[in-house]
Protein backbone atom coordinates (compact mmCIF):
# COMPACT_ATOMS: atom_id res chain seq x y z
CA MET A 1 96.67 12.59 50.22
CA GLU A 2 93.36 14.31 51.03
CA SER A 3 90.70 14.72 48.38
CA PRO A 4 89.30 18.22 47.79
CA ALA A 5 86.04 19.18 49.47
CA PRO A 6 83.01 18.37 47.29
CA GLU A 7 81.25 21.21 45.54
CA THR A 8 77.85 22.26 46.84
CA ALA A 9 74.96 22.90 44.46
CA SER A 10 71.27 23.49 44.89
CA ALA A 11 69.19 21.80 42.22
CA LEU A 12 65.67 21.18 41.13
CA ALA A 13 64.60 17.56 41.21
CA THR A 14 65.63 15.79 38.04
CA SER A 15 64.61 12.20 37.89
CA VAL A 16 64.54 9.34 35.44
CA PHE A 17 62.03 6.62 36.27
CA GLY A 18 61.77 7.95 39.83
CA ARG A 19 65.55 8.03 40.41
CA GLN A 20 67.48 11.21 41.15
CA GLN A 21 70.25 12.37 38.80
CA CYS A 22 73.30 14.47 39.65
CA PRO A 23 72.90 18.01 38.25
CA GLU A 24 76.62 18.10 37.31
CA CYS A 25 77.35 14.75 35.65
CA ALA A 26 73.86 13.17 35.31
CA HIS A 27 74.92 10.05 37.25
CA THR A 28 71.81 8.22 38.54
CA LEU A 29 71.60 8.15 42.35
CA VAL A 30 69.65 5.53 44.28
CA ALA A 31 69.05 7.00 47.75
CA PRO A 32 69.67 10.32 49.53
CA ASP A 33 72.36 10.63 52.19
CA ALA A 34 69.83 12.17 54.57
CA SER A 35 66.19 13.25 54.63
CA GLN A 36 64.64 15.98 56.78
CA TYR A 37 60.99 16.40 57.72
CA VAL A 38 60.31 20.11 57.14
CA SER A 39 56.54 20.28 57.60
CA GLU A 40 53.44 18.13 57.26
CA HIS A 41 53.74 18.02 53.47
CA VAL A 42 57.41 18.83 52.76
CA ILE A 43 60.55 16.67 52.95
CA LYS A 44 64.10 17.75 52.02
CA HIS A 45 66.63 15.23 50.75
CA GLN A 46 70.43 15.74 50.85
CA TRP A 47 72.36 14.02 48.07
CA SER A 48 76.01 13.54 47.16
CA CYS A 49 77.26 12.09 43.90
CA GLU A 50 79.83 9.34 44.29
CA CYS A 51 81.15 10.01 40.76
CA CYS A 52 81.90 13.76 40.82
CA GLY A 53 81.43 14.68 44.51
CA THR A 54 78.68 17.27 43.92
CA GLU A 55 76.39 17.78 46.91
CA PHE A 56 72.85 19.13 46.49
CA THR A 57 69.40 19.14 48.08
CA THR A 58 65.94 18.48 46.68
CA THR A 59 62.56 19.32 48.17
CA VAL A 60 59.54 17.06 47.80
CA SER A 61 56.00 18.30 48.29
CA LEU A 62 53.58 15.57 49.32
CA ARG A 63 50.54 17.79 48.99
CA ARG A 64 48.11 16.85 46.25
CA ARG A 65 47.05 19.51 43.82
CA GLN A 66 43.68 20.85 44.79
CA SER A 67 41.27 21.31 41.92
CA CYS A 68 39.58 24.68 41.65
CA ARG A 69 35.90 24.38 40.95
CA SER A 70 33.39 27.13 40.61
CA VAL A 71 29.92 26.41 41.89
CA ALA A 72 27.13 27.63 39.64
CA GLY A 73 24.41 29.63 41.38
CA ALA A 74 26.47 30.26 44.51
């Protein structure tokens, strides 16, 4: 008997102590199924939950926040 195709969902990163959680059932996931280099500072991860079968992607930005400073007298 074949199992039904897993649902697909797009989700914002939700993590507990640096670990990803499923957006459907909140099961903690250890590692993504695949990772894709998008640009110099962006990586996409593809996840699938082994408990409920939900598939989703997260995007990680590796760029540091740049502080905005005004220079007096400039």
